[in-house]
Amino acid sequence: LAYQQLETQRFINRYGIEEFRPNPFFPVNTLAIMRGAAAA
């Protein structure tokens, strides 16, 4: 897991994705928002 986090940070740095924030409520049940995506 530590290595996975390192790779994620490398990706963020490579592409300059400064807005990313870990979600403190993770994991989130996505059923409702994914149904919203299907509707959209």
PDB file of all heavy atoms in Angstrom:
ATOM      1  N   LEU A   1       0.825  -1.210   0.000  1.00  0.00           N
ATOM      2  CA  LEU A   1       0.000   0.000   0.000  1.00  0.00           C
ATOM      3  C   LEU A   1       0.859   1.260   0.000  1.00  0.00           C
ATOM      4  O   LEU A   1       0.522   2.244  -0.652  1.00  0.00           O
ATOM      5  CB  LEU A   1      -0.954  -0.003   1.192  1.00  0.00           C
ATOM      6  CG  LEU A   1      -2.180  -0.909   1.057  1.00  0.00           C
ATOM      7  CD1 LEU A   1      -2.964  -0.955   2.356  1.00  0.00           C
ATOM      8  CD2 LEU A   1      -3.083  -0.440  -0.082  1.00  0.00           C
ATOM      9  N   ALA A   2       1.978   1.222   0.721  1.00  0.00           N
ATOM     10  CA  ALA A   2       2.876   2.380   0.734  1.00  0.00           C
ATOM     11  C   ALA A   2       3.418   2.653  -0.667  1.00  0.00           C
ATOM     12  O   ALA A   2       3.532   3.809  -1.091  1.00  0.00           O
ATOM     13  CB  ALA A   2       4.019   2.144   1.712  1.00  0.00           C
ATOM     14  N   TYR A   3       3.734   1.576  -1.393  1.00  0.00           N
ATOM     15  CA  TYR A   3       4.227   1.758  -2.753  1.00  0.00           C
ATOM     16  C   TYR A   3       3.123   2.294  -3.659  1.00  0.00           C
ATOM     17  O   TYR A   3       3.375   3.157  -4.508  1.00  0.00           O
ATOM     18  CB  TYR A   3       4.779   0.453  -3.327  1.00  0.00           C
ATOM     19  CG  TYR A   3       5.290   0.629  -4.731  1.00  0.00           C
ATOM     20  CD1 TYR A   3       6.518   1.242  -4.967  1.00  0.00           C
ATOM     21  CD2 TYR A   3       4.526   0.243  -5.828  1.00  0.00           C
ATOM     22  CE1 TYR A   3       6.979   1.449  -6.260  1.00  0.00           C
ATOM     23  CE2 TYR A   3       4.978   0.442  -7.121  1.00  0.00           C
ATOM     24  CZ  TYR A   3       6.199   1.041  -7.332  1.00  0.00           C
ATOM     25  OH  TYR A   3       6.639   1.256  -8.614  1.00  0.00           O
ATOM     26  N   GLN A   4       1.901   1.797  -3.490  1.00  0.00           N
ATOM     27  CA  GLN A   4       0.782   2.299  -4.287  1.00  0.00           C
ATOM     28  C   GLN A   4       0.598   3.796  -4.071  1.00  0.00           C
ATOM     29  O   GLN A   4       0.346   4.553  -5.019  1.00  0.00           O
ATOM     30  CB  GLN A   4      -0.507   1.560  -3.913  1.00  0.00           C
ATOM     31  CG  GLN A   4      -0.535   0.107  -4.299  1.00  0.00           C
ATOM     32  CD  GLN A   4      -0.581  -0.101  -5.799  1.00  0.00           C
ATOM     33  OE1 GLN A   4       0.373  -0.585  -6.401  1.00  0.00           O
ATOM     34  NE2 GLN A   4      -1.676   0.278  -6.411  1.00  0.00           N
ATOM     35  N   GLN A   5       0.738   4.232  -2.827  1.00  0.00           N
ATOM     36  CA  GLN A   5       0.616   5.655  -2.520  1.00  0.00           C
ATOM     37  C   GLN A   5       1.746   6.459  -3.162  1.00  0.00           C
ATOM     38  O   GLN A   5       1.538   7.576  -3.641  1.00  0.00           O
ATOM     39  CB  GLN A   5       0.594   5.854  -1.004  1.00  0.00           C
ATOM     40  CG  GLN A   5      -0.666   5.308  -0.352  1.00  0.00           C
ATOM     41  CD  GLN A   5      -0.573   5.251   1.163  1.00  0.00           C
ATOM     42  OE1 GLN A   5       0.478   5.466   1.750  1.00  0.00           O
ATOM     43  NE2 GLN A   5      -1.700   4.926   1.798  1.00  0.00           N
ATOM     44  N   LEU A   6       2.943   5.882  -3.187  1.00  0.00           N
ATOM     45  CA  LEU A   6       4.076   6.533  -3.835  1.00  0.00           C
ATOM     46  C   LEU A   6       3.821   6.715  -5.328  1.00  0.00           C
ATOM     47  O   LEU A   6       4.063   7.793  -5.889  1.00  0.00           O
ATOM     48  CB  LEU A   6       5.344   5.697  -3.614  1.00  0.00           C
ATOM     49  CG  LEU A   6       6.615   6.171  -4.332  1.00  0.00           C
ATOM     50  CD1 LEU A   6       7.019   7.560  -3.868  1.00  0.00           C
ATOM     51  CD2 LEU A   6       7.740   5.168  -4.107  1.00  0.00           C
ATOM     52  N   GLU A   7       3.310   5.681  -5.979  1.00  0.00           N
ATOM     53  CA  GLU A   7       3.016   5.762  -7.410  1.00  0.00           C
ATOM     54  C   GLU A   7       1.921   6.794  -7.691  1.00  0.00           C
ATOM     55  O   GLU A   7       1.975   7.516  -8.693  1.00  0.00           O
ATOM     56  CB  GLU A   7       2.606   4.388  -7.943  1.00  0.00           C
ATOM     57  CG  GLU A   7       3.773   3.458  -8.188  1.00  0.00           C
ATOM     58  CD  GLU A   7       4.720   4.000  -9.251  1.00  0.00           C
ATOM     59  OE1 GLU A   7       4.311   4.151 -10.409  1.00  0.00           O
ATOM     60  OE2 GLU A   7       5.881   4.291  -8.906  1.00  0.00           O
ATOM     61  N   THR A   8       0.925   6.853  -6.802  1.00  0.00           N
ATOM     62  CA  THR A   8      -0.130   7.854  -6.959  1.00  0.00           C
ATOM     63  C   THR A   8       0.448   9.256  -6.878  1.00  0.00           C
ATOM     64  O   THR A   8       0.114  10.133  -7.688  1.00  0.00           O
ATOM     65  CB  THR A   8      -1.219   7.663  -5.899  1.00  0.00           C
ATOM     66  OG1 THR A   8      -1.852   6.399  -6.095  1.00  0.00           O
ATOM     67  CG2 THR A   8      -2.273   8.760  -5.967  1.00  0.00           C
ATOM     68  N   GLN A   9       1.330   9.486  -5.916  1.00  0.00           N
ATOM     69  CA  GLN A   9       1.933  10.813  -5.782  1.00  0.00           C
ATOM     70  C   GLN A   9       2.801  11.149  -6.977  1.00  0.00           C
ATOM     71  O   GLN A   9       2.825  12.302  -7.444  1.00  0.00           O
ATOM     72  CB  GLN A   9       2.758  10.888  -4.494  1.00  0.00           C
ATOM     73  CG  GLN A   9       3.178  12.309  -4.131  1.00  0.00           C
ATOM     74  CD  GLN A   9       1.986  13.245  -3.963  1.00  0.00           C
ATOM     75  OE1 GLN A   9       1.046  12.956  -3.229  1.00  0.00           O
ATOM     76  NE2 GLN A   9       2.016  14.370  -4.670  1.00  0.00           N
ATOM     77  N   ARG A  10       3.500  10.158  -7.523  1.00  0.00           N
ATOM     78  CA  ARG A  10       4.300  10.394  -8.719  1.00  0.00           C
ATOM     79  C   ARG A  10       3.420  10.815  -9.899  1.00  0.00           C
ATOM     80  O   ARG A  10       3.777  11.709 -10.671  1.00  0.00           O
ATOM     81  CB  ARG A  10       5.083   9.131  -9.078  1.00  0.00           C
ATOM     82  CG  ARG A  10       6.271   8.861  -8.176  1.00  0.00           C
ATOM     83  CD  ARG A  10       6.881   7.497  -8.457  1.00  0.00           C
ATOM     84  NE  ARG A  10       8.104   7.300  -7.701  1.00  0.00           N
ATOM     85  CZ  ARG A  10       8.667   6.118  -7.485  1.00  0.00           C
ATOM     86  NH1 ARG A  10       8.103   5.018  -7.998  1.00  0.00           N
ATOM     87  NH2 ARG A  10       9.785   6.015  -6.794  1.00  0.00           N
ATOM     88  N   PHE A  11       2.266  10.160 -10.029  1.00  0.00           N
ATOM     89  CA  PHE A  11       1.328  10.495 -11.105  1.00  0.00           C
ATOM     90  C   PHE A  11       0.815  11.922 -10.922  1.00  0.00           C
ATOM     91  O   PHE A  11       0.765  12.706 -11.882  1.00  0.00           O
ATOM     92  CB  PHE A  11       0.167   9.500 -11.081  1.00  0.00           C
ATOM     93  CG  PHE A  11      -0.780   9.609 -12.233  1.00  0.00           C
ATOM     94  CD1 PHE A  11      -0.617   8.818 -13.360  1.00  0.00           C
ATOM     95  CD2 PHE A  11      -1.851  10.495 -12.200  1.00  0.00           C
ATOM     96  CE1 PHE A  11      -1.501   8.901 -14.434  1.00  0.00           C
ATOM     97  CE2 PHE A  11      -2.742  10.591 -13.261  1.00  0.00           C
ATOM     98  CZ  PHE A  11      -2.569   9.794 -14.377  1.00  0.00           C
ATOM     99  N   ILE A  12       0.446  12.259  -9.698  1.00  0.00           N
ATOM    100  CA  ILE A  12      -0.044  13.603  -9.396  1.00  0.00           C
ATOM    101  C   ILE A  12       1.018  14.643  -9.730  1.00  0.00           C
ATOM    102  O   ILE A  12       0.730  15.688 -10.342  1.00  0.00           O
ATOM    103  CB  ILE A  12      -0.460  13.690  -7.910  1.00  0.00           C
ATOM    104  CG1 ILE A  12      -1.741  12.889  -7.681  1.00  0.00           C
ATOM    105  CG2 ILE A  12      -0.633  15.134  -7.465  1.00  0.00           C
ATOM    106  CD1 ILE A  12      -2.077  12.672  -6.213  1.00  0.00           C
ATOM    107  N   ASN A  13       2.254  14.366  -9.357  1.00  0.00           N
ATOM    108  CA  ASN A  13       3.346  15.302  -9.629  1.00  0.00           C
ATOM    109  C   ASN A  13       3.619  15.417 -11.132  1.00  0.00           C
ATOM    110  O   ASN A  13       3.853  16.518 -11.646  1.00  0.00           O
ATOM    111  CB  ASN A  13       4.610  14.850  -8.905  1.00  0.00           C
ATOM    112  CG  ASN A  13       4.480  14.938  -7.393  1.00  0.00           C
ATOM    113  OD1 ASN A  13       3.592  15.593  -6.873  1.00  0.00           O
ATOM    114  ND2 ASN A  13       5.362  14.248  -6.682  1.00  0.00           N
ATOM    115  N   ARG A  14       3.591  14.274 -11.834  1.00  0.00           N
ATOM    116  CA  ARG A  14       3.895  14.275 -13.278  1.00  0.00           C
ATOM    117  C   ARG A  14       2.921  15.169 -14.035  1.00  0.00           C
ATOM    118  O   ARG A  14       3.300  15.895 -14.956  1.00  0.00           O
ATOM    119  CB  ARG A  14       3.827  12.852 -13.822  1.00  0.00           C
ATOM    120  CG  ARG A  14       4.121  12.758 -15.330  1.00  0.00           C
ATOM    121  CD  ARG A  14       3.960  11.330 -15.843  1.00  0.00           C
ATOM    122  NE  ARG A  14       4.825  10.408 -15.133  1.00  0.00           N
ATOM    123  CZ  ARG A  14       4.402   9.312 -14.498  1.00  0.00           C
ATOM    124  NH1 ARG A  14       3.122   8.996 -14.490  1.00  0.00           N
ATOM    125  NH2 ARG A  14       5.257   8.531 -13.887  1.00  0.00           N
ATOM    126  N   TYR A  15       1.632  15.097 -13.648  1.00  0.00           N
ATOM    127  CA  TYR A  15       0.611  15.825 -14.398  1.00  0.00           C
ATOM    128  C   TYR A  15       0.140  17.112 -13.704  1.00  0.00           C
ATOM    129  O   TYR A  15      -0.765  17.777 -14.207  1.00  0.00           O
ATOM    130  CB  TYR A  15      -0.575  14.899 -14.670  1.00  0.00           C
ATOM    131  CG  TYR A  15      -0.212  13.756 -15.588  1.00  0.00           C
ATOM    132  CD1 TYR A  15      -0.034  12.467 -15.099  1.00  0.00           C
ATOM    133  CD2 TYR A  15      -0.011  13.964 -16.949  1.00  0.00           C
ATOM    134  CE1 TYR A  15       0.312  11.408 -15.936  1.00  0.00           C
ATOM    135  CE2 TYR A  15       0.343  12.924 -17.794  1.00  0.00           C
ATOM    136  CZ  TYR A  15       0.499  11.651 -17.280  1.00  0.00           C
ATOM    137  OH  TYR A  15       0.851  10.617 -18.106  1.00  0.00           O
ATOM    138  N   GLY A  16       0.766  17.453 -12.593  1.00  0.00           N
ATOM    139  CA  GLY A  16       0.444  18.713 -11.917  1.00  0.00           C
ATOM    140  C   GLY A  16      -0.992  18.806 -11.441  1.00  0.00           C
ATOM    141  O   GLY A  16      -1.631  19.856 -11.572  1.00  0.00           O
ATOM    142  N   ILE A  17      -1.501  17.725 -10.857  1.00  0.00           N
ATOM    143  CA  ILE A  17      -2.906  17.697 -10.408  1.00  0.00           C
ATOM    144  C   ILE A  17      -2.958  18.164  -8.951  1.00  0.00           C
ATOM    145  O   ILE A  17      -3.020  17.366  -8.017  1.00  0.00           O
ATOM    146  CB  ILE A  17      -3.508  16.287 -10.578  1.00  0.00           C
ATOM    147  CG1 ILE A  17      -3.320  15.813 -12.025  1.00  0.00           C
ATOM    148  CG2 ILE A  17      -4.991  16.292 -10.210  1.00  0.00           C
ATOM    149  CD1 ILE A  17      -3.708  14.380 -12.263  1.00  0.00           C
ATOM    150  N   GLU A  18      -2.917  19.463  -8.778  1.00  0.00           N
ATOM    151  CA  GLU A  18      -2.805  20.035  -7.434  1.00  0.00           C
ATOM    152  C   GLU A  18      -4.117  20.018  -6.661  1.00  0.00           C
ATOM    153  O   GLU A  18      -4.118  20.180  -5.439  1.00  0.00           O
ATOM    154  CB  GLU A  18      -2.282  21.471  -7.537  1.00  0.00           C
ATOM    155  CG  GLU A  18      -0.892  21.564  -8.154  1.00  0.00           C
ATOM    156  CD  GLU A  18      -0.421  22.995  -8.322  1.00  0.00           C
ATOM    157  OE1 GLU A  18      -1.218  23.921  -8.012  1.00  0.00           O
ATOM    158  OE2 GLU A  18       0.724  23.191  -8.760  1.00  0.00           O
ATOM    159  N   GLU A  19      -5.231  19.834  -7.355  1.00  0.00           N
ATOM    160  CA  GLU A  19      -6.539  19.932  -6.688  1.00  0.00           C
ATOM    161  C   GLU A  19      -6.927  18.657  -5.928  1.00  0.00           C
ATOM    162  O   GLU A  19      -7.874  18.665  -5.150  1.00  0.00           O
ATOM    163  CB  GLU A  19      -7.638  20.239  -7.717  1.00  0.00           C
ATOM    164  CG  GLU A  19      -7.467  21.568  -8.431  1.00  0.00           C
ATOM    165  CD  GLU A  19      -6.518  21.474  -9.622  1.00  0.00           C
ATOM    166  OE1 GLU A  19      -5.960  20.380  -9.877  1.00  0.00           O
ATOM    167  OE2 GLU A  19      -6.325  22.494 -10.297  1.00  0.00           O
ATOM    168  N   PHE A  20      -6.235  17.549  -6.177  1.00  0.00           N
ATOM    169  CA  PHE A  20      -6.620  16.272  -5.581  1.00  0.00           C
ATOM    170  C   PHE A  20      -6.524  16.305  -4.056  1.00  0.00           C
ATOM    171  O   PHE A  20      -5.530  16.764  -3.495  1.00  0.00           O
ATOM    172  CB  PHE A  20      -5.735  15.146  -6.109  1.00  0.00           C
ATOM    173  CG  PHE A  20      -5.996  13.817  -5.443  1.00  0.00           C
ATOM    174  CD1 PHE A  20      -7.134  13.093  -5.756  1.00  0.00           C
ATOM    175  CD2 PHE A  20      -5.127  13.302  -4.497  1.00  0.00           C
ATOM    176  CE1 PHE A  20      -7.399  11.874  -5.145  1.00  0.00           C
ATOM    177  CE2 PHE A  20      -5.373  12.090  -3.887  1.00  0.00           C
ATOM    178  CZ  PHE A  20      -6.517  11.371  -4.208  1.00  0.00           C
ATOM    179  N   ARG A  21      -7.580  15.808  -3.411  1.00  0.00           N
ATOM    180  CA  ARG A  21      -7.610  15.659  -1.958  1.00  0.00           C
ATOM    181  C   ARG A  21      -8.152  14.274  -1.625  1.00  0.00           C
ATOM    182  O   ARG A  21      -9.192  13.880  -2.165  1.00  0.00           O
ATOM    183  CB  ARG A  21      -8.528  16.708  -1.307  1.00  0.00           C
ATOM    184  CG  ARG A  21      -8.164  18.157  -1.583  1.00  0.00           C
ATOM    185  CD  ARG A  21      -6.903  18.572  -0.823  1.00  0.00           C
ATOM    186  NE  ARG A  21      -6.577  19.972  -1.072  1.00  0.00           N
ATOM    187  CZ  ARG A  21      -5.852  20.422  -2.090  1.00  0.00           C
ATOM    188  NH1 ARG A  21      -5.381  19.570  -2.992  1.00  0.00           N
ATOM    189  NH2 ARG A  21      -5.589  21.703  -2.234  1.00  0.00           N
ATOM    190  N   PRO A  22      -7.506  13.538  -0.740  1.00  0.00           N
ATOM    191  CA  PRO A  22      -8.089  12.267  -0.302  1.00  0.00           C
ATOM    192  C   PRO A  22      -9.456  12.507   0.340  1.00  0.00           C
ATOM    193  O   PRO A  22      -9.649  13.497   1.053  1.00  0.00           O
ATOM    194  CB  PRO A  22      -7.078  11.754   0.735  1.00  0.00           C
ATOM    195  CG  PRO A  22      -5.805  12.468   0.420  1.00  0.00           C
ATOM    196  CD  PRO A  22      -6.206  13.814  -0.115  1.00  0.00           C
ATOM    197  N   ASN A  23     -10.401  11.623   0.052  1.00  0.00           N
ATOM    198  CA  ASN A  23     -11.743  11.769   0.625  1.00  0.00           C
ATOM    199  C   ASN A  23     -11.761  11.123   2.004  1.00  0.00           C
ATOM    200  O   ASN A  23     -11.557   9.912   2.128  1.00  0.00           O
ATOM    201  CB  ASN A  23     -12.775  11.113  -0.287  1.00  0.00           C
ATOM    202  CG  ASN A  23     -14.194  11.475   0.104  1.00  0.00           C
ATOM    203  OD1 ASN A  23     -14.555  11.412   1.267  1.00  0.00           O
ATOM    204  ND2 ASN A  23     -15.004  11.869  -0.867  1.00  0.00           N
ATOM    205  N   PRO A  24     -12.004  11.914   3.072  1.00  0.00           N
ATOM    206  CA  PRO A  24     -11.967  11.365   4.431  1.00  0.00           C
ATOM    207  C   PRO A  24     -13.096  10.381   4.712  1.00  0.00           C
ATOM    208  O   PRO A  24     -13.048   9.668   5.714  1.00  0.00           O
ATOM    209  CB  PRO A  24     -12.081  12.609   5.326  1.00  0.00           C
ATOM    210  CG  PRO A  24     -12.795  13.619   4.474  1.00  0.00           C
ATOM    211  CD  PRO A  24     -12.323  13.361   3.067  1.00  0.00           C
ATOM    212  N   PHE A  25     -14.098  10.336   3.832  1.00  0.00           N
ATOM    213  CA  PHE A  25     -15.230   9.417   4.013  1.00  0.00           C
ATOM    214  C   PHE A  25     -15.061   8.129   3.209  1.00  0.00           C
ATOM    215  O   PHE A  25     -15.957   7.297   3.177  1.00  0.00           O
ATOM    216  CB  PHE A  25     -16.533  10.123   3.619  1.00  0.00           C
ATOM    217  CG  PHE A  25     -16.753  11.405   4.359  1.00  0.00           C
ATOM    218  CD1 PHE A  25     -16.530  12.633   3.739  1.00  0.00           C
ATOM    219  CD2 PHE A  25     -17.149  11.409   5.683  1.00  0.00           C
ATOM    220  CE1 PHE A  25     -16.718  13.820   4.416  1.00  0.00           C
ATOM    221  CE2 PHE A  25     -17.343  12.596   6.378  1.00  0.00           C
ATOM    222  CZ  PHE A  25     -17.127  13.800   5.742  1.00  0.00           C
ATOM    223  N   PHE A  26     -13.916   7.987   2.554  1.00  0.00           N
ATOM    224  CA  PHE A  26     -13.629   6.817   1.718  1.00  0.00           C
ATOM    225  C   PHE A  26     -13.580   5.558   2.578  1.00  0.00           C
ATOM    226  O   PHE A  26     -13.021   5.576   3.664  1.00  0.00           O
ATOM    227  CB  PHE A  26     -12.285   7.029   1.027  1.00  0.00           C
ATOM    228  CG  PHE A  26     -11.917   5.981   0.024  1.00  0.00           C
ATOM    229  CD1 PHE A  26     -12.428   6.009  -1.256  1.00  0.00           C
ATOM    230  CD2 PHE A  26     -11.053   4.966   0.366  1.00  0.00           C
ATOM    231  CE1 PHE A  26     -12.082   5.049  -2.191  1.00  0.00           C
ATOM    232  CE2 PHE A  26     -10.694   3.997  -0.558  1.00  0.00           C
ATOM    233  CZ  PHE A  26     -11.210   4.043  -1.829  1.00  0.00           C
ATOM    234  N   PRO A  27     -14.168   4.435   2.111  1.00  0.00           N
ATOM    235  CA  PRO A  27     -14.862   4.262   0.834  1.00  0.00           C
ATOM    236  C   PRO A  27     -16.305   4.764   0.884  1.00  0.00           C
ATOM    237  O   PRO A  27     -16.976   4.650   1.912  1.00  0.00           O
ATOM    238  CB  PRO A  27     -14.822   2.743   0.630  1.00  0.00           C
ATOM    239  CG  PRO A  27     -14.827   2.183   2.023  1.00  0.00           C
ATOM    240  CD  PRO A  27     -14.058   3.169   2.861  1.00  0.00           C
ATOM    241  N   VAL A  28     -16.759   5.304  -0.214  1.00  0.00           N
ATOM    242  CA  VAL A  28     -18.105   5.850  -0.352  1.00  0.00           C
ATOM    243  C   VAL A  28     -18.936   4.889  -1.199  1.00  0.00           C
ATOM    244  O   VAL A  28     -18.478   4.408  -2.223  1.00  0.00           O
ATOM    245  CB  VAL A  28     -18.048   7.243  -1.015  1.00  0.00           C
ATOM    246  CG1 VAL A  28     -19.437   7.744  -1.358  1.00  0.00           C
ATOM    247  CG2 VAL A  28     -17.327   8.233  -0.110  1.00  0.00           C
ATOM    248  N   ASN A  29     -20.156   4.613  -0.759  1.00  0.00           N
ATOM    249  CA  ASN A  29     -21.077   3.803  -1.559  1.00  0.00           C
ATOM    250  C   ASN A  29     -21.546   4.661  -2.737  1.00  0.00           C
ATOM    251  O   ASN A  29     -22.236   5.664  -2.548  1.00  0.00           O
ATOM    252  CB  ASN A  29     -22.270   3.359  -0.711  1.00  0.00           C
ATOM    253  CG  ASN A  29     -23.226   2.461  -1.458  1.00  0.00           C
ATOM    254  OD1 ASN A  29     -23.408   2.583  -2.663  1.00  0.00           O
ATOM    255  ND2 ASN A  29     -23.856   1.542  -0.753  1.00  0.00           N
ATOM    256  N   THR A  30     -21.185   4.269  -3.934  1.00  0.00           N
ATOM    257  CA  THR A  30     -21.406   5.132  -5.097  1.00  0.00           C
ATOM    258  C   THR A  30     -22.681   4.816  -5.875  1.00  0.00           C
ATOM    259  O   THR A  30     -22.882   5.386  -6.953  1.00  0.00           O
ATOM    260  CB  THR A  30     -20.201   5.051  -6.057  1.00  0.00           C
ATOM    261  OG1 THR A  30     -20.044   3.691  -6.500  1.00  0.00           O
ATOM    262  CG2 THR A  30     -18.933   5.541  -5.388  1.00  0.00           C
ATOM    263  N   LEU A  31     -23.529   3.946  -5.370  1.00  0.00           N
ATOM    264  CA  LEU A  31     -24.703   3.533  -6.142  1.00  0.00           C
ATOM    265  C   LEU A  31     -25.532   4.730  -6.611  1.00  0.00           C
ATOM    266  O   LEU A  31     -25.885   4.834  -7.790  1.00  0.00           O
ATOM    267  CB  LEU A  31     -25.567   2.574  -5.337  1.00  0.00           C
ATOM    268  CG  LEU A  31     -26.854   2.097  -6.027  1.00  0.00           C
ATOM    269  CD1 LEU A  31     -26.532   1.362  -7.326  1.00  0.00           C
ATOM    270  CD2 LEU A  31     -27.672   1.207  -5.084  1.00  0.00           C
ATOM    271  N   ALA A  32     -25.852   5.654  -5.700  1.00  0.00           N
ATOM    272  CA  ALA A  32     -26.716   6.784  -6.061  1.00  0.00           C
ATOM    273  C   ALA A  32     -26.049   7.685  -7.094  1.00  0.00           C
ATOM    274  O   ALA A  32     -26.675   8.072  -8.096  1.00  0.00           O
ATOM    275  CB  ALA A  32     -27.083   7.583  -4.814  1.00  0.00           C
ATOM    276  N   ILE A  33     -24.784   8.031  -6.888  1.00  0.00           N
ATOM    277  CA  ILE A  33     -24.137   8.953  -7.830  1.00  0.00           C
ATOM    278  C   ILE A  33     -23.813   8.278  -9.161  1.00  0.00           C
ATOM    279  O   ILE A  33     -23.763   8.945 -10.199  1.00  0.00           O
ATOM    280  CB  ILE A  33     -22.882   9.622  -7.219  1.00  0.00           C
ATOM    281  CG1 ILE A  33     -21.893   8.595  -6.663  1.00  0.00           C
ATOM    282  CG2 ILE A  33     -23.288  10.630  -6.160  1.00  0.00           C
ATOM    283  CD1 ILE A  33     -20.614   9.206  -6.095  1.00  0.00           C
ATOM    284  N   MET A  34     -23.632   6.946  -9.146  1.00  0.00           N
ATOM    285  CA  MET A  34     -23.427   6.256 -10.426  1.00  0.00           C
ATOM    286  C   MET A  34     -24.742   6.111 -11.182  1.00  0.00           C
ATOM    287  O   MET A  34     -24.764   6.167 -12.413  1.00  0.00           O
ATOM    288  CB  MET A  34     -22.762   4.898 -10.209  1.00  0.00           C
ATOM    289  CG  MET A  34     -21.322   4.979  -9.716  1.00  0.00           C
ATOM    290  SD  MET A  34     -20.254   6.145 -10.624  1.00  0.00           S
ATOM    291  CE  MET A  34     -20.336   5.466 -12.292  1.00  0.00           C
ATOM    292  N   ARG A  35     -25.847   5.943 -10.477  1.00  0.00           N
ATOM    293  CA  ARG A  35     -27.141   5.989 -11.165  1.00  0.00           C
ATOM    294  C   ARG A  35     -27.364   7.376 -11.755  1.00  0.00           C
ATOM    295  O   ARG A  35     -27.911   7.519 -12.855  1.00  0.00           O
ATOM    296  CB  ARG A  35     -28.269   5.635 -10.194  1.00  0.00           C
ATOM    297  CG  ARG A  35     -28.389   4.145  -9.914  1.00  0.00           C
ATOM    298  CD  ARG A  35     -29.534   3.857  -8.973  1.00  0.00           C
ATOM    299  NE  ARG A  35     -29.713   2.426  -8.734  1.00  0.00           N
ATOM    300  CZ  ARG A  35     -30.481   1.916  -7.780  1.00  0.00           C
ATOM    301  NH1 ARG A  35     -31.167   2.737  -6.983  1.00  0.00           N
ATOM    302  NH2 ARG A  35     -30.578   0.610  -7.626  1.00  0.00           N
ATOM    303  N   GLY A  36     -26.922   8.400 -11.036  1.00  0.00           N
ATOM    304  CA  GLY A  36     -26.990   9.750 -11.582  1.00  0.00           C
ATOM    305  C   GLY A  36     -26.191   9.873 -12.865  1.00  0.00           C
ATOM    306  O   GLY A  36     -26.611  10.542 -13.817  1.00  0.00           O
ATOM    307  N   ALA A  37     -25.031   9.208 -12.907  1.00  0.00           N
ATOM    308  CA  ALA A  37     -24.212   9.231 -14.120  1.00  0.00           C
ATOM    309  C   ALA A  37     -24.909   8.505 -15.260  1.00  0.00           C
ATOM    310  O   ALA A  37     -24.868   8.949 -16.409  1.00  0.00           O
ATOM    311  CB  ALA A  37     -22.851   8.604 -13.841  1.00  0.00           C
ATOM    312  N   ALA A  38     -25.554   7.381 -14.951  1.00  0.00           N
ATOM    313  CA  ALA A  38     -26.297   6.650 -15.982  1.00  0.00           C
ATOM    314  C   ALA A  38     -27.446   7.504 -16.520  1.00  0.00           C
ATOM    315  O   ALA A  38     -27.707   7.525 -17.731  1.00  0.00           O
ATOM    316  CB  ALA A  38     -26.828   5.332 -15.420  1.00  0.00           C
ATOM    317  N   ALA A  39     -28.113   8.233 -15.622  1.00  0.00           N
ATOM    318  CA  ALA A  39     -29.180   9.137 -16.060  1.00  0.00           C
ATOM    319  C   ALA A  39     -28.616  10.236 -16.953  1.00  0.00           C
ATOM    320  O   ALA A  39     -29.187  10.561 -17.999  1.00  0.00           O
ATOM    321  CB  ALA A  39     -29.868   9.753 -14.841  1.00  0.00           C
ATOM    322  N   ALA A  40     -27.492  10.800 -16.547  1.00  0.00           N
ATOM    323  CA  ALA A  40     -26.877  11.866 -17.340  1.00  0.00           C
ATOM    324  C   ALA A  40     -26.415  11.346 -18.705  1.00  0.00           C
ATOM    325  O   ALA A  40     -26.504  12.062 -19.708  1.00  0.00           O
ATOM    326  CB  ALA A  40     -25.700  12.461 -16.570  1.00  0.00           C
TER     327      ALA A  40
END
